[in-house]
Amino acid sequence: MKRTKFDITYHVDTEELARFAKALAHPVRVKIIKYLSEQTFCFTGDLLDVIPLAQSTVSQHLKELKNAGLIEGEVNPPKIKYCINRENWEKAKSLFCIFFDINLDDKSCMI
């Protein structure tokens, strides 16, 4: 029987780590996170002052970070206030630490 990608199941932590990694896999998103880490909160317009991209492009990056749960947004018409989701940030930090703590000392790549 042929297997498909839908036959594979992953541990919840593996899926969460991949979701966080994907959200952080773009330099603009990393810059947004760094900027937000230095602020209590910000509005999209604040980000446009430090990221020289179209508002729609910045909004798409914010959407990706929000969908991954790394940031949260609160609607204050006509603006949206963004901040880092501290609970999920700590979860991401923990998952990345566990992942990067994999011991490779006794393994070698023989090419």
PDB file of N, CA and C in Angstrom:
ATOM      1  N   MET A   1       0.839  -1.182   0.000  1.00  0.00           N
ATOM      2  CA  MET A   1       0.000   0.000   0.000  1.00  0.00           C
ATOM      3  C   MET A   1       0.888   1.251   0.000  1.00  0.00           C
ATOM      4  N   LYS A   2       0.557   2.186  -0.847  1.00  0.00           N
ATOM      5  CA  LYS A   2       1.324   3.420  -0.957  1.00  0.00           C
ATOM      6  C   LYS A   2       0.973   4.351   0.202  1.00  0.00           C
ATOM      7  N   ARG A   3       1.991   4.902   0.824  1.00  0.00           N
ATOM      8  CA  ARG A   3       1.780   5.844   1.930  1.00  0.00           C
ATOM      9  C   ARG A   3       1.784   7.270   1.396  1.00  0.00           C
ATOM     10  N   THR A   4       1.015   8.096   2.025  1.00  0.00           N
ATOM     11  CA  THR A   4       0.982   9.505   1.654  1.00  0.00           C
ATOM     12  C   THR A   4       1.478  10.325   2.828  1.00  0.00           C
ATOM     13  N   LYS A   5       1.723  11.610   2.583  1.00  0.00           N
ATOM     14  CA  LYS A   5       2.183  12.478   3.666  1.00  0.00           C
ATOM     15  C   LYS A   5       1.126  12.606   4.767  1.00  0.00           C
ATOM     16  N   PHE A   6      -0.116  12.297   4.459  1.00  0.00           N
ATOM     17  CA  PHE A   6      -1.176  12.407   5.448  1.00  0.00           C
ATOM     18  C   PHE A   6      -1.199  11.212   6.401  1.00  0.00           C
ATOM     19  N   ASP A   7      -0.438  10.154   6.076  1.00  0.00           N
ATOM     20  CA  ASP A   7      -0.363   8.979   6.936  1.00  0.00           C
ATOM     21  C   ASP A   7       0.592   9.190   8.101  1.00  0.00           C
ATOM     22  N   ILE A   8       1.407  10.215   8.036  1.00  0.00           N
ATOM     23  CA  ILE A   8       2.420  10.448   9.061  1.00  0.00           C
ATOM     24  C   ILE A   8       1.817  11.290  10.177  1.00  0.00           C
ATOM     25  N   THR A   9       2.009  10.817  11.394  1.00  0.00           N
ATOM     26  CA  THR A   9       1.567  11.599  12.543  1.00  0.00           C
ATOM     27  C   THR A   9       2.796  12.026  13.333  1.00  0.00           C
ATOM     28  N   TYR A  10       2.737  13.201  13.895  1.00  0.00           N
ATOM     29  CA  TYR A  10       3.857  13.763  14.632  1.00  0.00           C
ATOM     30  C   TYR A  10       3.420  14.066  16.055  1.00  0.00           C
ATOM     31  N   HIS A  11       4.385  14.102  16.933  1.00  0.00           N
ATOM     32  CA  HIS A  11       4.123  14.514  18.302  1.00  0.00           C
ATOM     33  C   HIS A  11       3.717  15.994  18.278  1.00  0.00           C
ATOM     34  N   VAL A  12       2.856  16.388  19.168  1.00  0.00           N
ATOM     35  CA  VAL A  12       2.365  17.773  19.214  1.00  0.00           C
ATOM     36  C   VAL A  12       3.524  18.765  19.309  1.00  0.00           C
ATOM     37  N   ASP A  13       4.528  18.459  20.125  1.00  0.00           N
ATOM     38  CA  ASP A  13       5.668  19.362  20.260  1.00  0.00           C
ATOM     39  C   ASP A  13       6.430  19.522  18.946  1.00  0.00           C
ATOM     40  N   THR A  14       6.511  18.456  18.168  1.00  0.00           N
ATOM     41  CA  THR A  14       7.189  18.515  16.873  1.00  0.00           C
ATOM     42  C   THR A  14       6.431  19.432  15.928  1.00  0.00           C
ATOM     43  N   GLU A  15       5.120  19.321  15.918  1.00  0.00           N
ATOM     44  CA  GLU A  15       4.298  20.187  15.064  1.00  0.00           C
ATOM     45  C   GLU A  15       4.391  21.639  15.507  1.00  0.00           C
ATOM     46  N   GLU A  16       4.391  21.873  16.822  1.00  0.00           N
ATOM     47  CA  GLU A  16       4.495  23.245  17.321  1.00  0.00           C
ATOM     48  C   GLU A  16       5.848  23.852  16.969  1.00  0.00           C
ATOM     49  N   LEU A  17       6.917  23.087  17.152  1.00  0.00           N
ATOM     50  CA  LEU A  17       8.252  23.579  16.819  1.00  0.00           C
ATOM     51  C   LEU A  17       8.328  23.945  15.342  1.00  0.00           C
ATOM     52  N   ALA A  18       7.792  23.101  14.483  1.00  0.00           N
ATOM     53  CA  ALA A  18       7.801  23.375  13.041  1.00  0.00           C
ATOM     54  C   ALA A  18       6.985  24.622  12.718  1.00  0.00           C
ATOM     55  N   ARG A  19       5.850  24.814  13.386  1.00  0.00           N
ATOM     56  CA  ARG A  19       5.015  25.996  13.150  1.00  0.00           C
ATOM     57  C   ARG A  19       5.762  27.265  13.554  1.00  0.00           C
ATOM     58  N   PHE A  20       6.431  27.233  14.728  1.00  0.00           N
ATOM     59  CA  PHE A  20       7.198  28.396  15.178  1.00  0.00           C
ATOM     60  C   PHE A  20       8.375  28.665  14.240  1.00  0.00           C
ATOM     61  N   ALA A  21       9.067  27.598  13.833  1.00  0.00           N
ATOM     62  CA  ALA A  21      10.223  27.750  12.949  1.00  0.00           C
ATOM     63  C   ALA A  21       9.802  28.345  11.609  1.00  0.00           C
ATOM     64  N   LYS A  22       8.695  27.866  11.074  1.00  0.00           N
ATOM     65  CA  LYS A  22       8.212  28.391   9.793  1.00  0.00           C
ATOM     66  C   LYS A  22       7.883  29.882   9.908  1.00  0.00           C
ATOM     67  N   ALA A  23       7.258  30.269  11.008  1.00  0.00           N
ATOM     68  CA  ALA A  23       6.899  31.677  11.192  1.00  0.00           C
ATOM     69  C   ALA A  23       8.139  32.555  11.310  1.00  0.00           C
ATOM     70  N   LEU A  24       9.215  32.017  11.850  1.00  0.00           N
ATOM     71  CA  LEU A  24      10.441  32.793  12.035  1.00  0.00           C
ATOM     72  C   LEU A  24      11.407  32.658  10.859  1.00  0.00           C
ATOM     73  N   ALA A  25      10.981  31.970   9.809  1.00  0.00           N
ATOM     74  CA  ALA A  25      11.864  31.675   8.687  1.00  0.00           C
ATOM     75  C   ALA A  25      11.957  32.792   7.658  1.00  0.00           C
ATOM     76  N   HIS A  26      11.648  33.987   8.048  1.00  0.00           N
ATOM     77  CA  HIS A  26      11.783  35.131   7.135  1.00  0.00           C
ATOM     78  C   HIS A  26      12.421  36.285   7.906  1.00  0.00           C
ATOM     79  N   PRO A  27      13.418  36.940   7.329  1.00  0.00           N
ATOM     80  CA  PRO A  27      14.117  38.020   8.039  1.00  0.00           C
ATOM     81  C   PRO A  27      13.201  39.155   8.511  1.00  0.00           C
ATOM     82  N   VAL A  28      12.157  39.473   7.751  1.00  0.00           N
ATOM     83  CA  VAL A  28      11.244  40.544   8.174  1.00  0.00           C
ATOM     84  C   VAL A  28      10.515  40.137   9.453  1.00  0.00           C
ATOM     85  N   ARG A  29      10.121  38.883   9.557  1.00  0.00           N
ATOM     86  CA  ARG A  29       9.417  38.414  10.755  1.00  0.00           C
ATOM     87  C   ARG A  29      10.339  38.417  11.970  1.00  0.00           C
ATOM     88  N   VAL A  30      11.593  38.068  11.741  1.00  0.00           N
ATOM     89  CA  VAL A  30      12.571  38.131  12.832  1.00  0.00           C
ATOM     90  C   VAL A  30      12.731  39.579  13.287  1.00  0.00           C
ATOM     91  N   LYS A  31      12.798  40.495  12.324  1.00  0.00           N
ATOM     92  CA  LYS A  31      12.924  41.921  12.659  1.00  0.00           C
ATOM     93  C   LYS A  31      11.696  42.415  13.428  1.00  0.00           C
ATOM     94  N   ILE A  32      10.520  41.960  13.037  1.00  0.00           N
ATOM     95  CA  ILE A  32       9.291  42.341  13.751  1.00  0.00           C
ATOM     96  C   ILE A  32       9.351  41.856  15.195  1.00  0.00           C
ATOM     97  N   ILE A  33       9.746  40.603  15.388  1.00  0.00           N
ATOM     98  CA  ILE A  33       9.838  40.057  16.745  1.00  0.00           C
ATOM     99  C   ILE A  33      10.853  40.839  17.569  1.00  0.00           C
ATOM    100  N   LYS A  34      12.007  41.138  16.984  1.00  0.00           N
ATOM    101  CA  LYS A  34      13.024  41.914  17.705  1.00  0.00           C
ATOM    102  C   LYS A  34      12.479  43.295  18.082  1.00  0.00           C
ATOM    103  N   TYR A  35      11.784  43.925  17.152  1.00  0.00           N
ATOM    104  CA  TYR A  35      11.211  45.248  17.434  1.00  0.00           C
ATOM    105  C   TYR A  35      10.181  45.155  18.568  1.00  0.00           C
ATOM    106  N   LEU A  36       9.291  44.168  18.476  1.00  0.00           N
ATOM    107  CA  LEU A  36       8.263  44.013  19.506  1.00  0.00           C
ATOM    108  C   LEU A  36       8.869  43.681  20.869  1.00  0.00           C
ATOM    109  N   SER A  37      10.007  42.999  20.876  1.00  0.00           N
ATOM    110  CA  SER A  37      10.644  42.647  22.151  1.00  0.00           C
ATOM    111  C   SER A  37      11.164  43.878  22.883  1.00  0.00           C
ATOM    112  N   GLU A  38      11.338  44.962  22.157  1.00  0.00           N
ATOM    113  CA  GLU A  38      11.837  46.212  22.742  1.00  0.00           C
ATOM    114  C   GLU A  38      10.717  47.175  23.100  1.00  0.00           C
ATOM    115  N   GLN A  39       9.456  46.783  22.801  1.00  0.00           N
ATOM    116  CA  GLN A  39       8.304  47.654  23.028  1.00  0.00           C
ATOM    117  C   GLN A  39       7.304  46.945  23.947  1.00  0.00           C
ATOM    118  N   THR A  40       6.441  47.707  24.561  1.00  0.00           N
ATOM    119  CA  THR A  40       5.323  47.120  25.286  1.00  0.00           C
ATOM    120  C   THR A  40       4.302  46.604  24.283  1.00  0.00           C
ATOM    121  N   PHE A  41       4.091  47.387  23.225  1.00  0.00           N
ATOM    122  CA  PHE A  41       3.212  47.031  22.112  1.00  0.00           C
ATOM    123  C   PHE A  41       3.524  47.987  20.976  1.00  0.00           C
ATOM    124  N   CYS A  42       2.945  47.724  19.816  1.00  0.00           N
ATOM    125  CA  CYS A  42       3.076  48.658  18.709  1.00  0.00           C
ATOM    126  C   CYS A  42       1.888  48.509  17.773  1.00  0.00           C
ATOM    127  N   PHE A  43       1.725  49.488  16.908  1.00  0.00           N
ATOM    128  CA  PHE A  43       0.716  49.462  15.867  1.00  0.00           C
ATOM    129  C   PHE A  43       1.424  49.206  14.535  1.00  0.00           C
ATOM    130  N   THR A  44       0.670  48.786  13.535  1.00  0.00           N
ATOM    131  CA  THR A  44       1.256  48.518  12.217  1.00  0.00           C
ATOM    132  C   THR A  44       2.035  49.729  11.720  1.00  0.00           C
ATOM    133  N   GLY A  45       1.495  50.920  11.908  1.00  0.00           N
ATOM    134  CA  GLY A  45       2.166  52.149  11.469  1.00  0.00           C
ATOM    135  C   GLY A  45       3.538  52.323  12.099  1.00  0.00           C
ATOM    136  N   ASP A  46       3.685  51.891  13.363  1.00  0.00           N
ATOM    137  CA  ASP A  46       4.996  51.968  14.018  1.00  0.00           C
ATOM    138  C   ASP A  46       6.008  51.098  13.284  1.00  0.00           C
ATOM    139  N   LEU A  47       5.565  49.928  12.866  1.00  0.00           N
ATOM    140  CA  LEU A  47       6.457  49.011  12.157  1.00  0.00           C
ATOM    141  C   LEU A  47       6.860  49.567  10.788  1.00  0.00           C
ATOM    142  N   LEU A  48       5.967  50.294  10.167  1.00  0.00           N
ATOM    143  CA  LEU A  48       6.275  50.864   8.856  1.00  0.00           C
ATOM    144  C   LEU A  48       7.406  51.885   8.935  1.00  0.00           C
ATOM    145  N   ASP A  49       7.607  52.457  10.122  1.00  0.00           N
ATOM    146  CA  ASP A  49       8.710  53.404  10.315  1.00  0.00           C
ATOM    147  C   ASP A  49      10.064  52.695  10.372  1.00  0.00           C
ATOM    148  N   VAL A  50      10.079  51.417  10.764  1.00  0.00           N
ATOM    149  CA  VAL A  50      11.351  50.692  10.900  1.00  0.00           C
ATOM    150  C   VAL A  50      11.550  49.607   9.838  1.00  0.00           C
ATOM    151  N   ILE A  51      10.471  49.246   9.153  1.00  0.00           N
ATOM    152  CA  ILE A  51      10.548  48.245   8.091  1.00  0.00           C
ATOM    153  C   ILE A  51      10.055  48.910   6.803  1.00  0.00           C
ATOM    154  N   PRO A  52      10.961  49.209   5.889  1.00  0.00           N
ATOM    155  CA  PRO A  52      10.603  49.963   4.682  1.00  0.00           C
ATOM    156  C   PRO A  52       9.916  49.105   3.616  1.00  0.00           C
ATOM    157  N   LEU A  53       8.746  48.593   3.962  1.00  0.00           N
ATOM    158  CA  LEU A  53       7.951  47.789   3.031  1.00  0.00           C
ATOM    159  C   LEU A  53       6.533  48.332   2.989  1.00  0.00           C
ATOM    160  N   ALA A  54       5.790  47.896   2.006  1.00  0.00           N
ATOM    161  CA  ALA A  54       4.386  48.308   1.902  1.00  0.00           C
ATOM    162  C   ALA A  54       3.611  47.805   3.114  1.00  0.00           C
ATOM    163  N   GLN A  55       2.597  48.565   3.489  1.00  0.00           N
ATOM    164  CA  GLN A  55       1.777  48.202   4.643  1.00  0.00           C
ATOM    165  C   GLN A  55       1.147  46.825   4.466  1.00  0.00           C
ATOM    166  N   SER A  56       0.739  46.490   3.254  1.00  0.00           N
ATOM    167  CA  SER A  56       0.124  45.187   3.005  1.00  0.00           C
ATOM    168  C   SER A  56       1.129  44.049   3.216  1.00  0.00           C
ATOM    169  N   THR A  57       2.383  44.280   2.865  1.00  0.00           N
ATOM    170  CA  THR A  57       3.425  43.268   3.055  1.00  0.00           C
ATOM    171  C   THR A  57       3.707  43.066   4.539  1.00  0.00           C
ATOM    172  N   VAL A  58       3.834  44.153   5.274  1.00  0.00           N
ATOM    173  CA  VAL A  58       4.052  44.058   6.720  1.00  0.00           C
ATOM    174  C   VAL A  58       2.866  43.357   7.375  1.00  0.00           C
ATOM    175  N   SER A  59       1.663  43.677   6.932  1.00  0.00           N
ATOM    176  CA  SER A  59       0.462  43.034   7.482  1.00  0.00           C
ATOM    177  C   SER A  59       0.470  41.529   7.250  1.00  0.00           C
ATOM    178  N   GLN A  60       0.952  41.100   6.082  1.00  0.00           N
ATOM    179  CA  GLN A  60       1.042  39.657   5.796  1.00  0.00           C
ATOM    180  C   GLN A  60       2.023  38.975   6.746  1.00  0.00           C
ATOM    181  N   HIS A  61       3.143  39.621   7.012  1.00  0.00           N
ATOM    182  CA  HIS A  61       4.119  39.062   7.951  1.00  0.00           C
ATOM    183  C   HIS A  61       3.545  39.014   9.371  1.00  0.00           C
ATOM    184  N   LEU A  62       2.832  40.047   9.753  1.00  0.00           N
ATOM    185  CA  LEU A  62       2.175  40.051  11.067  1.00  0.00           C
ATOM    186  C   LEU A  62       1.154  38.914  11.160  1.00  0.00           C
ATOM    187  N   LYS A  63       0.433  38.697  10.083  1.00  0.00           N
ATOM    188  CA  LYS A  63      -0.563  37.619  10.038  1.00  0.00           C
ATOM    189  C   LYS A  63       0.097  36.257  10.255  1.00  0.00           C
ATOM    190  N   GLU A  64       1.240  36.031   9.612  1.00  0.00           N
ATOM    191  CA  GLU A  64       1.956  34.757   9.774  1.00  0.00           C
ATOM    192  C   GLU A  64       2.409  34.559  11.222  1.00  0.00           C
ATOM    193  N   LEU A  65       2.952  35.606  11.817  1.00  0.00           N
ATOM    194  CA  LEU A  65       3.391  35.518  13.210  1.00  0.00           C
ATOM    195  C   LEU A  65       2.211  35.303  14.153  1.00  0.00           C
ATOM    196  N   LYS A  66       1.107  35.948  13.847  1.00  0.00           N
ATOM    197  CA  LYS A  66      -0.092  35.793  14.669  1.00  0.00           C
ATOM    198  C   LYS A  66      -0.677  34.390  14.517  1.00  0.00           C
ATOM    199  N   ASN A  67      -0.730  33.878  13.297  1.00  0.00           N
ATOM    200  CA  ASN A  67      -1.255  32.527  13.069  1.00  0.00           C
ATOM    201  C   ASN A  67      -0.422  31.469  13.777  1.00  0.00           C
ATOM    202  N   ALA A  68       0.872  31.724  13.890  1.00  0.00           N
ATOM    203  CA  ALA A  68       1.753  30.786  14.596  1.00  0.00           C
ATOM    204  C   ALA A  68       1.636  30.940  16.107  1.00  0.00           C
ATOM    205  N   GLY A  69       0.978  32.009  16.543  1.00  0.00           N
ATOM    206  CA  GLY A  69       0.789  32.225  17.972  1.00  0.00           C
ATOM    207  C   GLY A  69       1.926  32.967  18.648  1.00  0.00           C
ATOM    208  N   LEU A  70       2.879  33.483  17.874  1.00  0.00           N
ATOM    209  CA  LEU A  70       4.011  34.179  18.479  1.00  0.00           C
ATOM    210  C   LEU A  70       3.689  35.618  18.870  1.00  0.00           C
ATOM    211  N   ILE A  71       2.719  36.210  18.193  1.00  0.00           N
ATOM    212  CA  ILE A  71       2.269  37.553  18.572  1.00  0.00           C
ATOM    213  C   ILE A  71       0.753  37.525  18.709  1.00  0.00           C
ATOM    214  N   GLU A  72       0.241  38.539  19.352  1.00  0.00           N
ATOM    215  CA  GLU A  72      -1.207  38.692  19.431  1.00  0.00           C
ATOM    216  C   GLU A  72      -1.561  40.116  19.057  1.00  0.00           C
ATOM    217  N   GLY A  73      -2.766  40.275  18.543  1.00  0.00           N
ATOM    218  CA  GLY A  73      -3.224  41.585  18.122  1.00  0.00           C
ATOM    219  C   GLY A  73      -4.564  41.905  18.755  1.00  0.00           C
ATOM    220  N   GLU A  74      -4.695  43.142  19.170  1.00  0.00           N
ATOM    221  CA  GLU A  74      -5.944  43.616  19.764  1.00  0.00           C
ATOM    222  C   GLU A  74      -6.470  44.746  18.894  1.00  0.00           C
ATOM    223  N   VAL A  75      -7.697  44.600  18.432  1.00  0.00           N
ATOM    224  CA  VAL A  75      -8.279  45.605  17.544  1.00  0.00           C
ATOM    225  C   VAL A  75      -8.726  46.809  18.360  1.00  0.00           C
ATOM    226  N   ASN A  76      -8.160  47.961  18.015  1.00  0.00           N
ATOM    227  CA  ASN A  76      -8.548  49.261  18.559  1.00  0.00           C
ATOM    228  C   ASN A  76      -8.850  50.131  17.358  1.00  0.00           C
ATOM    229  N   PRO A  77     -10.082  50.036  16.800  1.00  0.00           N
ATOM    230  CA  PRO A  77     -10.381  50.724  15.539  1.00  0.00           C
ATOM    231  C   PRO A  77      -9.863  52.147  15.522  1.00  0.00           C
ATOM    232  N   PRO A  78      -9.239  52.555  14.448  1.00  0.00           N
ATOM    233  CA  PRO A  78      -9.022  51.828  13.199  1.00  0.00           C
ATOM    234  C   PRO A  78      -7.689  51.074  13.186  1.00  0.00           C
ATOM    235  N   LYS A  79      -7.065  50.894  14.336  1.00  0.00           N
ATOM    236  CA  LYS A  79      -5.738  50.280  14.397  1.00  0.00           C
ATOM    237  C   LYS A  79      -5.784  48.914  15.074  1.00  0.00           C
ATOM    238  N   ILE A  80      -4.702  48.160  14.877  1.00  0.00           N
ATOM    239  CA  ILE A  80      -4.521  46.905  15.594  1.00  0.00           C
ATOM    240  C   ILE A  80      -3.235  47.035  16.399  1.00  0.00           C
ATOM    241  N   LYS A  81      -3.333  46.753  17.690  1.00  0.00           N
ATOM    242  CA  LYS A  81      -2.188  46.836  18.590  1.00  0.00           C
ATOM    243  C   LYS A  81      -1.568  45.441  18.690  1.00  0.00           C
ATOM    244  N   TYR A  82      -0.273  45.316  18.449  1.00  0.00           N
ATOM    245  CA  TYR A  82       0.425  44.035  18.470  1.00  0.00           C
ATOM    246  C   TYR A  82       1.408  43.959  19.626  1.00  0.00           C
ATOM    247  N   CYS A  83       1.559  42.750  20.158  1.00  0.00           N
ATOM    248  CA  CYS A  83       2.588  42.481  21.160  1.00  0.00           C
ATOM    249  C   CYS A  83       2.963  41.005  21.078  1.00  0.00           C
ATOM    250  N   ILE A  84       4.067  40.656  21.700  1.00  0.00           N
ATOM    251  CA  ILE A  84       4.494  39.257  21.718  1.00  0.00           C
ATOM    252  C   ILE A  84       3.579  38.481  22.650  1.00  0.00           C
ATOM    253  N   ASN A  85       3.168  37.304  22.219  1.00  0.00           N
ATOM    254  CA  ASN A  85       2.382  36.399  23.056  1.00  0.00           C
ATOM    255  C   ASN A  85       3.380  35.701  23.978  1.00  0.00           C
ATOM    256  N   ARG A  86       3.468  36.163  25.205  1.00  0.00           N
ATOM    257  CA  ARG A  86       4.500  35.698  26.138  1.00  0.00           C
ATOM    258  C   ARG A  86       4.413  34.196  26.422  1.00  0.00           C
ATOM    259  N   GLU A  87       3.216  33.686  26.552  1.00  0.00           N
ATOM    260  CA  GLU A  87       3.050  32.258  26.846  1.00  0.00           C
ATOM    261  C   GLU A  87       3.600  31.400  25.700  1.00  0.00           C
ATOM    262  N   ASN A  88       3.224  31.737  24.470  1.00  0.00           N
ATOM    263  CA  ASN A  88       3.709  30.975  23.324  1.00  0.00           C
ATOM    264  C   ASN A  88       5.186  31.236  23.053  1.00  0.00           C
ATOM    265  N   TRP A  89       5.666  32.436  23.375  1.00  0.00           N
ATOM    266  CA  TRP A  89       7.086  32.722  23.208  1.00  0.00           C
ATOM    267  C   TRP A  89       7.914  31.810  24.109  1.00  0.00           C
ATOM    268  N   GLU A  90       7.457  31.653  25.349  1.00  0.00           N
ATOM    269  CA  GLU A  90       8.154  30.761  26.282  1.00  0.00           C
ATOM    270  C   GLU A  90       8.094  29.312  25.808  1.00  0.00           C
ATOM    271  N   LYS A  91       6.969  28.915  25.239  1.00  0.00           N
ATOM    272  CA  LYS A  91       6.824  27.562  24.695  1.00  0.00           C
ATOM    273  C   LYS A  91       7.796  27.370  23.530  1.00  0.00           C
ATOM    274  N   ALA A  92       7.857  28.337  22.620  1.00  0.00           N
ATOM    275  CA  ALA A  92       8.774  28.259  21.478  1.00  0.00           C
ATOM    276  C   ALA A  92      10.219  28.204  21.971  1.00  0.00           C
ATOM    277  N   LYS A  93      10.549  29.047  22.924  1.00  0.00           N
ATOM    278  CA  LYS A  93      11.899  29.084  23.474  1.00  0.00           C
ATOM    279  C   LYS A  93      12.292  27.722  24.049  1.00  0.00           C
ATOM    280  N   SER A  94      11.390  27.117  24.786  1.00  0.00           N
ATOM    281  CA  SER A  94      11.631  25.804  25.380  1.00  0.00           C
ATOM    282  C   SER A  94      11.819  24.733  24.303  1.00  0.00           C
ATOM    283  N   LEU A  95      10.935  24.735  23.302  1.00  0.00           N
ATOM    284  CA  LEU A  95      11.029  23.736  22.235  1.00  0.00           C
ATOM    285  C   LEU A  95      12.322  23.874  21.437  1.00  0.00           C
ATOM    286  N   PHE A  96      12.728  25.117  21.143  1.00  0.00           N
ATOM    287  CA  PHE A  96      13.977  25.327  20.411  1.00  0.00           C
ATOM    288  C   PHE A  96      15.180  24.898  21.265  1.00  0.00           C
ATOM    289  N   CYS A  97      15.142  25.192  22.555  1.00  0.00           N
ATOM    290  CA  CYS A  97      16.244  24.778  23.436  1.00  0.00           C
ATOM    291  C   CYS A  97      16.376  23.260  23.466  1.00  0.00           C
ATOM    292  N   ILE A  98      15.260  22.570  23.587  1.00  0.00           N
ATOM    293  CA  ILE A  98      15.282  21.105  23.584  1.00  0.00           C
ATOM    294  C   ILE A  98      15.817  20.594  22.254  1.00  0.00           C
ATOM    295  N   PHE A  99      15.346  21.171  21.167  1.00  0.00           N
ATOM    296  CA  PHE A  99      15.774  20.749  19.840  1.00  0.00           C
ATOM    297  C   PHE A  99      17.276  20.958  19.646  1.00  0.00           C
ATOM    298  N   PHE A 100      17.779  22.132  20.003  1.00  0.00           N
ATOM    299  CA  PHE A 100      19.191  22.439  19.789  1.00  0.00           C
ATOM    300  C   PHE A 100      20.105  21.807  20.835  1.00  0.00           C
ATOM    301  N   ASP A 101      19.505  21.165  21.823  1.00  0.00           N
ATOM    302  CA  ASP A 101      20.290  20.474  22.836  1.00  0.00           C
ATOM    303  C   ASP A 101      20.557  19.014  22.442  1.00  0.00           C
ATOM    304  N   ILE A 102      20.164  18.643  21.225  1.00  0.00           N
ATOM    305  CA  ILE A 102      20.439  17.290  20.744  1.00  0.00           C
ATOM    306  C   ILE A 102      21.952  17.077  20.761  1.00  0.00           C
ATOM    307  N   ASN A 103      22.376  15.991  21.389  1.00  0.00           N
ATOM    308  CA  ASN A 103      23.797  15.707  21.548  1.00  0.00           C
ATOM    309  C   ASN A 103      24.334  14.999  20.307  1.00  0.00           C
ATOM    310  N   LEU A 104      25.256  15.643  19.633  1.00  0.00           N
ATOM    311  CA  LEU A 104      25.867  15.061  18.434  1.00  0.00           C
ATOM    312  C   LEU A 104      27.317  14.626  18.678  1.00  0.00           C
ATOM    313  N   ASP A 105      27.754  14.666  19.937  1.00  0.00           N
ATOM    314  CA  ASP A 105      29.144  14.370  20.248  1.00  0.00           C
ATOM    315  C   ASP A 105      29.609  13.013  19.750  1.00  0.00           C
ATOM    316  N   ASP A 106      28.782  11.984  19.884  1.00  0.00           N
ATOM    317  CA  ASP A 106      29.218  10.646  19.520  1.00  0.00           C
ATOM    318  C   ASP A 106      28.767  10.244  18.117  1.00  0.00           C
ATOM    319  N   LYS A 107      28.308  11.201  17.339  1.00  0.00           N
ATOM    320  CA  LYS A 107      27.887  10.914  15.977  1.00  0.00           C
ATOM    321  C   LYS A 107      28.822  11.612  15.021  1.00  0.00           C
ATOM    322  N   SER A 108      29.079  10.987  13.913  1.00  0.00           N
ATOM    323  CA  SER A 108      29.893  11.646  12.900  1.00  0.00           C
ATOM    324  C   SER A 108      29.278  11.386  11.543  1.00  0.00           C
ATOM    325  N   CYS A 109      29.478  12.320  10.677  1.00  0.00           N
ATOM    326  CA  CYS A 109      28.974  12.199   9.319  1.00  0.00           C
ATOM    327  C   CYS A 109      30.125  11.767   8.438  1.00  0.00           C
ATOM    328  N   MET A 110      29.995  10.585   7.896  1.00  0.00           N
ATOM    329  CA  MET A 110      31.069  10.043   7.054  1.00  0.00           C
ATOM    330  C   MET A 110      30.707  10.263   5.584  1.00  0.00           C
ATOM    331  N   ILE A 111      31.279  11.298   5.019  1.00  0.00           N
ATOM    332  CA  ILE A 111      31.014  11.581   3.602  1.00  0.00           C
ATOM    333  C   ILE A 111      32.234  11.213   2.803  1.00  0.00           C
TER     334      ILE A 111
END
